[in-house]
Amino acid sequence: MKIAFIHNRYIGYRLPFFEKLAKIYGTDFFFDQIDPKTKIRKCAFTYKVLRSIQILNSSIYDCTLSPMLPFHLLRGRYNLFIGADIGHPGTYITFVVAKLLRKPFILCNEGWYYPRTIFRFLRQPLLNIMMLYSDAIVVSGTKAKEFALHVGADPRKVFIAPDASELVVQKITLSDTNELKERLGIGGKCVVLYLGRLVERKGVAVLIEAFSKIEREFDDAVLVIVGGGEERKMLERLSRNLHVRNALFTGYVDEHDKSLYYSIADVFVLPSLAHSGEVWDLVLNEAMSCAKSVISTTAAGASYDLIKNGVNGYIVKEGSVEELSDAMKQLLKNPEKARKMGFESKRIIESGFTFDRMVEGLTAAIKYATPRDWEQRQAT
């Protein structure tokens, strides 16, 4: 079986998944661009980065179009086509080519809501058609599955391939953790950690306001904000205005050092805001793989699959300062409970959110979309 897999970006956190898929099937990958933060490395799969035109660029959407994509798809004599992301024009082009050639098409999608923008409104009829006539649909989690069914997908052809993180958890000793805390000037403190971009949709302003309430009860608590972005100066100003004494902005850290920063956390918080583009957010996977209790909001798709309330963390209403503050109090006032929740987080990740499980989900969709080809392949 020869597969064409169309994805908008060559991006680091997807490469292990692509490599595992390519070991099973003959797969050609087509990308519009290379993620600027991803270093090109020798990969165990075949790919092309096509020349593309930028047709939309914002803090949420980065939309490109490759005019030569139809040519490559038609020339390749593929048995199966896979399109990733309902926001990518290449997905719709691939769907049309697959139908013209009468070949199976699988839609991969993480999205679980439909923001009210003109671009989304104009694309709605095409999305409905693609959901109805795709031969299989692969989603990242339960909210994305609910969205697919709401749009009109046949439940029999919807498969879950849970998102996985490529974070390599280093062997970090207690002395490593203490050394970093001393270097940051937070030795002996209970750490509430945020790691990610400092942009509005991440909701860090809500986190700072919630933490300002925490400080009234927990003198030994510190909020460590790791990452860079356009809102950093505004967030630092907000911290001063709210008289937050223990907020530390570290700036951007290298991917290699992420697990070290996760190691200093007593609790990890993802305060995302609703309908903001947070279809999943892999930082939850990362924090949990480092055995951390987690708090996230109803705006992050990952929350619904990764967090069991009261077991490994809490899900709070997006934008709610009170709910976020209360959840942090629950964990900070009982460090042993937070530690046990962290171990449960690690167990959840290792048992269900791996690249092998991602490939299993897609393989199940391929079997469903190509029953005859699969039977012939197994027979030989």
Protein backbone atom coordinates (compact mmCIF):
# COMPACT_ATOMS: atom_id res chain seq x y z
CA MET A 1 0.00 0.00 0.00
CA LYS A 2 1.32 3.41 -0.97
CA ILE A 3 0.09 6.37 1.10
CA ALA A 4 0.28 10.13 0.60
CA PHE A 5 0.15 11.99 3.93
CA ILE A 6 -0.41 15.75 3.68
CA HIS A 7 0.52 17.91 6.68
CA ASN A 8 0.95 21.65 6.91
CA ARG A 9 4.29 21.58 8.75
CA TYR A 10 7.43 19.56 9.26
CA ILE A 11 7.34 19.94 13.03
CA GLY A 12 9.36 18.30 15.76
CA TYR A 13 6.63 16.87 17.95
CA ARG A 14 5.13 14.90 15.04
CA LEU A 15 8.34 13.37 13.66
CA PRO A 16 8.38 10.24 15.88
CA PHE A 17 4.79 9.51 14.82
CA PHE A 18 5.66 9.91 11.13
CA GLU A 19 8.67 7.61 11.50
CA LYS A 20 6.66 4.87 13.21
CA LEU A 21 3.96 5.07 10.53
CA ALA A 22 6.55 4.90 7.73
CA LYS A 23 7.94 1.65 9.20
CA ILE A 24 4.56 0.01 8.59
CA TYR A 25 3.42 1.57 5.30
CA GLY A 26 5.10 3.05 2.26
CA THR A 27 4.27 6.67 3.02
CA ASP A 28 5.23 9.91 1.28
CA PHE A 29 4.80 13.02 3.42
CA PHE A 30 4.12 16.45 1.93
CA PHE A 31 4.65 19.64 3.96
CA ASP A 32 3.99 23.29 3.16
CA GLN A 33 6.72 24.59 5.43
CA ILE A 34 9.27 23.73 8.09
CA ASP A 35 8.49 24.87 11.61
CA PRO A 36 11.04 27.59 12.50
CA LYS A 37 11.72 26.02 15.91
CA THR A 38 12.33 22.55 14.46
CA LYS A 39 15.81 21.50 13.43
CA ILE A 40 15.99 19.42 10.27
CA ARG A 41 17.23 15.97 11.16
CA LYS A 42 17.77 12.69 9.39
CA CYS A 43 14.34 11.09 9.34
CA ALA A 44 13.27 7.52 8.63
CA PHE A 45 10.56 8.61 6.21
CA THR A 46 10.27 10.15 2.75
CA TYR A 47 9.07 13.73 2.53
CA LYS A 48 8.91 16.83 0.35
CA VAL A 49 8.60 20.44 1.48
CA LEU A 50 6.60 22.12 -1.27
CA ARG A 51 6.72 25.75 -2.23
CA SER A 52 3.77 27.44 -0.63
CA ILE A 53 1.91 30.74 -0.58
CA GLN A 54 0.91 32.35 2.72
CA ILE A 55 -2.80 33.18 2.50
CA LEU A 56 -3.50 33.90 6.17
CA ASN A 57 -1.23 34.68 9.12
CA SER A 58 -2.38 35.51 12.64
CA SER A 59 -1.55 34.55 16.23
CA ILE A 60 -3.99 31.62 15.93
CA TYR A 61 -4.01 30.64 12.25
CA ASP A 62 -1.08 30.23 9.90
CA CYS A 63 -2.58 29.15 6.60
CA THR A 64 -0.53 28.26 3.51
CA LEU A 65 -1.30 26.83 0.08
CA SER A 66 0.97 24.71 -2.14
CA PRO A 67 -0.07 25.19 -5.80
CA MET A 68 1.90 22.11 -6.94
CA LEU A 69 0.33 19.73 -4.43
CA PRO A 70 -2.30 18.34 -6.89
CA PHE A 71 0.47 17.51 -9.39
CA HIS A 72 2.41 15.47 -6.82
CA LEU A 73 -0.71 13.67 -5.64
CA LEU A 74 -1.83 12.76 -9.14
CA ARG A 75 1.63 11.62 -10.21
CA GLY A 76 2.31 9.42 -7.20
CA ARG A 77 -0.14 6.55 -7.95
CA TYR A 78 -1.19 6.36 -4.32
CA ASN A 79 -3.60 3.80 -2.89
CA LEU A 80 -4.66 5.96 0.04
CA PHE A 81 -4.63 9.68 0.91
CA ILE A 82 -4.44 11.22 4.39
CA GLY A 83 -5.11 14.89 5.09
CA ALA A 84 -4.23 16.46 8.44
CA ASP A 85 -6.03 19.49 9.93
CA ILE A 86 -9.34 20.96 8.79
CA GLY A 87 -7.67 24.38 8.74
CA HIS A 88 -5.18 23.41 6.04
CA PRO A 89 -6.14 24.05 2.37
CA GLY A 90 -3.99 21.07 1.37
CA THR A 91 -6.39 18.79 3.22
CA TYR A 92 -9.30 19.90 1.04
CA ILE A 93 -7.19 19.62 -2.13
CA THR A 94 -6.20 16.09 -1.15
CA PHE A 95 -9.82 15.15 -0.45
CA VAL A 96 -10.87 16.32 -3.94
CA VAL A 97 -7.98 14.47 -5.62
CA ALA A 98 -8.79 11.26 -3.72
CA LYS A 99 -12.43 11.41 -4.78
CA LEU A 100 -11.54 12.11 -8.41
CA LEU A 101 -9.24 9.08 -8.41
CA ARG A 102 -11.79 7.01 -6.45
CA LYS A 103 -9.24 6.27 -3.76
CA PRO A 104 -9.84 6.18 0.02
CA PHE A 105 -9.32 9.38 1.99
CA ILE A 106 -8.69 9.63 5.73
CA LEU A 107 -9.15 12.91 7.57
CA CYS A 108 -6.97 13.54 10.63
CA ASN A 109 -8.31 16.30 12.85
CA GLU A 110 -7.65 17.68 16.34
CA GLY A 111 -10.22 20.49 16.22
CA TRP A 112 -13.24 20.32 18.50
CA TYR A 113 -14.99 23.65 18.05
CA TYR A 114 -15.70 26.07 15.24
CA PRO A 115 -14.75 29.73 15.94
CA ARG A 116 -17.10 32.28 14.40
CA THR A 117 -14.83 33.84 11.80
CA ILE A 118 -15.56 34.66 8.17
CA PHE A 119 -12.88 32.19 7.05
CA ARG A 120 -14.44 29.39 9.07
CA PHE A 121 -17.95 30.30 7.94
CA LEU A 122 -16.99 30.15 4.26
CA ARG A 123 -15.30 26.79 4.78
CA GLN A 124 -18.18 25.20 6.70
CA PRO A 125 -19.93 23.57 3.68
CA LEU A 126 -16.64 22.01 2.52
CA LEU A 127 -15.97 20.70 6.02
CA ASN A 128 -19.42 19.13 6.23
CA ILE A 129 -18.92 17.39 2.88
CA MET A 130 -15.47 16.14 3.89
CA MET A 131 -16.74 14.81 7.22
CA LEU A 132 -19.58 12.98 5.48
CA TYR A 133 -17.57 11.46 2.63
CA SER A 134 -14.19 10.71 4.20
CA ASP A 135 -13.60 6.97 4.33
CA ALA A 136 -12.34 7.28 7.92
CA ILE A 137 -11.71 10.08 10.41
CA VAL A 138 -8.91 10.09 12.96
CA VAL A 139 -9.22 12.42 15.96
CA SER A 140 -6.94 13.20 18.89
CA GLY A 141 -9.42 12.87 21.72
CA THR A 142 -13.00 12.69 22.96
CA LYS A 143 -13.85 16.35 22.32
CA ALA A 144 -12.62 16.10 18.72
CA LYS A 145 -14.72 12.96 18.29
CA GLU A 146 -17.80 14.75 19.62
CA PHE A 147 -17.14 17.56 17.14
CA ALA A 148 -16.86 15.14 14.21
CA LEU A 149 -20.13 13.44 15.15
CA HIS A 150 -21.84 16.82 15.59
CA VAL A 151 -20.78 17.87 12.09
CA GLY A 152 -22.27 14.68 10.68
CA ALA A 153 -19.59 11.98 10.64
CA ASP A 154 -20.64 8.33 10.81
CA PRO A 155 -19.61 7.12 14.31
CA ARG A 156 -18.41 3.80 12.85
CA LYS A 157 -15.64 5.50 10.93
CA VAL A 158 -14.28 7.78 13.69
CA PHE A 159 -11.10 6.53 15.39
CA ILE A 160 -9.07 8.05 18.22
CA ALA A 161 -5.28 8.34 17.91
CA PRO A 162 -4.35 10.03 21.21
CA ASP A 163 -1.82 12.84 20.99
CA ALA A 164 1.65 12.04 22.29
CA SER A 165 4.61 14.21 23.20
CA GLU A 166 8.17 13.76 21.99
CA LEU A 167 9.61 15.17 25.22
CA VAL A 168 12.48 12.99 26.33
CA VAL A 169 12.29 12.88 30.12
CA GLN A 170 15.83 13.13 31.38
CA LYS A 171 17.10 11.35 34.45
CA ILE A 172 17.02 14.27 36.84
CA THR A 173 18.26 13.93 40.40
CA LEU A 174 17.04 15.83 43.41
CA SER A 175 20.33 17.72 43.43
CA ASP A 176 19.69 18.84 39.81
CA THR A 177 16.29 20.18 40.84
CA ASN A 178 17.62 21.92 43.93
CA GLU A 179 20.48 23.42 41.94
CA LEU A 180 18.06 24.97 39.43
CA LYS A 181 15.84 26.30 42.22
CA GLU A 182 18.84 27.88 43.92
CA ARG A 183 19.98 29.39 40.63
CA LEU A 184 16.51 30.90 40.15
CA GLY A 185 16.47 32.15 43.73
CA ILE A 186 13.47 30.04 44.76
CA GLY A 187 15.11 27.47 47.02
CA GLY A 188 12.69 26.07 49.60
CA LYS A 189 9.63 27.42 47.76
CA CYS A 190 6.53 25.55 46.57
CA VAL A 191 6.46 26.05 42.80
CA VAL A 192 3.42 26.68 40.61
CA LEU A 193 4.70 26.31 37.05
CA TYR A 194 3.46 27.59 33.70
CA LEU A 195 5.44 26.68 30.59
CA GLY A 196 4.43 27.88 27.14
CA ARG A 197 4.03 30.93 24.94
CA LEU A 198 3.10 34.24 26.53
CA VAL A 199 0.17 35.15 24.29
CA GLU A 200 -3.39 36.15 25.17
CA ARG A 201 -5.03 32.81 24.38
CA LYS A 202 -2.88 31.02 26.96
CA GLY A 203 -4.66 32.85 29.79
CA VAL A 204 -1.52 33.63 31.81
CA ALA A 205 -3.08 36.90 33.02
CA VAL A 206 -5.82 34.84 34.69
CA LEU A 207 -3.17 32.66 36.32
CA ILE A 208 -1.33 35.69 37.71
CA GLU A 209 -4.55 37.12 39.15
CA ALA A 210 -5.42 33.75 40.72
CA PHE A 211 -1.91 33.45 42.16
CA SER A 212 -2.20 36.90 43.73
CA LYS A 213 -4.91 35.37 45.94
CA ILE A 214 -2.74 32.36 46.71
CA GLU A 215 0.04 34.53 48.12
CA ARG A 216 -2.25 35.71 50.91
CA GLU A 217 -2.28 32.19 52.37
CA PHE A 218 0.96 30.63 51.13
CA ASP A 219 4.05 32.70 51.88
CA ASP A 220 6.31 29.97 50.53
CA ALA A 221 4.62 29.73 47.10
CA VAL A 222 6.21 31.05 43.92
CA LEU A 223 4.81 31.31 40.40
CA VAL A 224 7.39 30.42 37.77
CA ILE A 225 6.46 31.45 34.23
CA VAL A 226 8.63 29.84 31.57
CA GLY A 227 8.45 31.03 27.96
CA GLY A 228 8.52 34.08 25.77
CA GLY A 229 5.99 35.97 23.73
CA GLU A 230 4.34 39.25 22.89
CA GLU A 231 2.57 39.57 26.26
CA ARG A 232 5.57 39.27 28.56
CA LYS A 233 5.89 42.98 29.37
CA MET A 234 2.16 43.31 29.95
CA LEU A 235 2.17 40.27 32.27
CA GLU A 236 5.13 41.61 34.24
CA ARG A 237 3.30 44.92 34.61
CA LEU A 238 0.15 43.07 35.73
CA SER A 239 2.17 41.25 38.40
CA ARG A 240 3.45 44.56 39.76
CA ASN A 241 0.00 46.15 39.70
CA LEU A 242 -1.45 43.20 41.65
CA HIS A 243 1.49 43.38 44.09
CA VAL A 244 2.50 39.79 43.36
CA ARG A 245 5.74 39.32 45.26
CA ASN A 246 6.75 35.88 44.07
CA ALA A 247 6.35 35.75 40.30
CA LEU A 248 9.40 34.83 38.25
CA PHE A 249 9.64 35.16 34.45
CA THR A 250 12.49 33.01 33.14
CA GLY A 251 12.07 33.64 29.43
CA TYR A 252 12.36 30.97 26.75
CA VAL A 253 14.14 27.70 27.61
CA ASP A 254 15.59 25.17 25.20
CA GLU A 255 13.61 22.01 24.45
CA HIS A 256 16.41 19.96 25.98
CA ASP A 257 15.94 21.76 29.34
CA LYS A 258 12.17 21.43 29.54
CA SER A 259 12.10 18.36 31.75
CA LEU A 260 14.49 20.06 34.20
CA TYR A 261 12.06 22.96 34.58
CA TYR A 262 9.13 20.59 34.95
CA SER A 263 11.08 18.90 37.75
CA ILE A 264 10.93 21.99 40.00
CA ALA A 265 7.13 22.16 39.87
CA ASP A 266 4.83 21.13 42.68
CA VAL A 267 1.87 21.76 40.40
CA PHE A 268 1.66 22.60 36.69
CA VAL A 269 -1.05 24.96 35.41
CA LEU A 270 -2.38 25.44 31.87
CA PRO A 271 -4.86 28.39 32.06
CA SER A 272 -6.00 28.43 28.40
CA LEU A 273 -8.92 30.60 27.30
CA ALA A 274 -11.97 29.35 25.37
CA HIS A 275 -12.11 29.10 21.56
CA SER A 276 -8.52 30.21 21.36
CA GLY A 277 -6.93 27.61 19.13
CA GLU A 278 -6.00 25.25 21.97
CA VAL A 279 -7.20 22.09 20.26
CA TRP A 280 -4.98 19.94 22.51
CA ASP A 281 -1.77 21.46 23.98
CA LEU A 282 1.05 18.99 24.51
CA VAL A 283 2.47 20.76 27.57
CA LEU A 284 -0.05 18.78 29.61
CA ASN A 285 1.41 15.54 28.21
CA GLU A 286 4.89 16.82 29.01
CA ALA A 287 4.16 17.85 32.59
CA MET A 288 2.35 14.58 33.28
CA SER A 289 5.17 12.51 31.79
CA CYS A 290 7.39 14.23 34.38
CA ALA A 291 5.03 13.01 37.13
CA LYS A 292 3.36 16.32 37.95
CA SER A 293 -0.13 17.06 39.23
CA VAL A 294 -1.85 19.33 36.71
CA ILE A 295 -4.56 21.96 36.52
CA SER A 296 -6.08 22.92 33.19
CA THR A 297 -9.18 24.65 31.89
CA THR A 298 -12.23 23.67 29.90
CA ALA A 299 -10.68 25.47 26.90
CA ALA A 300 -7.92 22.89 26.32
CA GLY A 301 -8.94 19.75 24.46
CA ALA A 302 -6.32 17.70 26.29
CA SER A 303 -8.01 18.36 29.65
CA TYR A 304 -10.90 16.01 28.94
CA ASP A 305 -8.71 13.01 28.15
CA LEU A 306 -5.69 13.55 30.36
CA ILE A 307 -7.14 14.86 33.62
CA LYS A 308 -9.27 12.91 36.04
CA ASN A 309 -10.64 15.39 38.55
CA GLY A 310 -9.25 14.72 42.00
CA VAL A 311 -7.09 11.85 40.73
CA ASN A 312 -4.19 13.51 38.92
CA GLY A 313 -5.35 17.12 38.90
CA TYR A 314 -8.30 19.41 38.28
CA ILE A 315 -10.21 20.88 35.34
CA VAL A 316 -11.51 24.40 36.01
CA LYS A 317 -13.74 26.75 34.06
CA GLU A 318 -11.74 28.83 31.63
CA GLY A 319 -11.25 32.43 32.73
CA SER A 320 -12.40 31.72 36.31
CA VAL A 321 -9.94 33.27 38.76
CA GLU A 322 -11.79 31.79 41.72
CA GLU A 323 -11.88 28.20 40.43
CA LEU A 324 -8.22 28.32 39.41
CA SER A 325 -7.20 29.77 42.76
CA ASP A 326 -9.19 27.14 44.68
CA ALA A 327 -7.64 24.29 42.66
CA MET A 328 -4.11 25.56 43.35
CA LYS A 329 -4.92 25.83 47.06
CA GLN A 330 -6.07 22.20 47.10
CA LEU A 331 -2.69 21.03 45.89
CA LEU A 332 -0.44 23.50 47.69
CA LYS A 333 -1.97 22.82 51.10
CA ASN A 334 -1.44 19.07 50.66
CA PRO A 335 1.98 18.41 49.05
CA GLU A 336 1.73 14.65 49.60
CA LYS A 337 -1.58 14.55 47.73
CA ALA A 338 -0.03 16.55 44.88
CA ARG A 339 2.90 14.14 44.75
CA LYS A 340 0.63 11.09 44.53
CA MET A 341 -1.41 12.82 41.82
CA GLY A 342 1.82 13.30 39.90
CA PHE A 343 2.54 9.59 39.92
CA GLU A 344 -0.99 8.99 38.61
CA SER A 345 -0.33 11.52 35.83
CA LYS A 346 2.73 9.57 34.73
CA ARG A 347 0.77 6.32 34.76
CA ILE A 348 -1.97 7.85 32.58
CA ILE A 349 0.55 9.02 29.99
CA GLU A 350 2.49 5.77 29.85
CA SER A 351 -0.63 3.63 29.57
CA GLY A 352 -2.47 5.52 26.87
CA PHE A 353 -0.75 8.54 25.31
CA THR A 354 2.24 7.22 23.38
CA PHE A 355 3.30 7.27 19.73
CA ASP A 356 2.54 3.57 19.52
CA ARG A 357 -1.05 4.29 20.54
CA MET A 358 -1.21 7.08 17.93
CA VAL A 359 -0.12 4.67 15.22
CA GLU A 360 -2.61 2.05 16.45
CA GLY A 361 -5.44 4.54 16.07
CA LEU A 362 -4.43 5.46 12.53
CA THR A 363 -3.85 1.83 11.60
CA ALA A 364 -7.39 0.98 12.70
CA ALA A 365 -8.68 3.76 10.44
CA ILE A 366 -6.59 2.48 7.51
CA LYS A 367 -7.97 -1.04 7.98
CA TYR A 368 -11.50 0.37 7.99
CA ALA A 369 -10.94 2.55 4.91
CA THR A 370 -9.17 -0.14 2.86
CA PRO A 371 -10.56 -3.54 3.94
CA ARG A 372 -9.68 -5.33 0.69
CA ASP A 373 -6.16 -3.92 0.49
CA TRP A 374 -5.59 -4.81 4.12
CA GLU A 375 -6.78 -8.40 3.68
CA GLN A 376 -4.54 -8.83 0.63
CA ARG A 377 -1.57 -7.39 2.50
CA GLN A 378 -2.10 -9.74 5.42
CA ALA A 379 -2.43 -12.74 3.08
CA THR A 380 0.94 -12.02 1.48
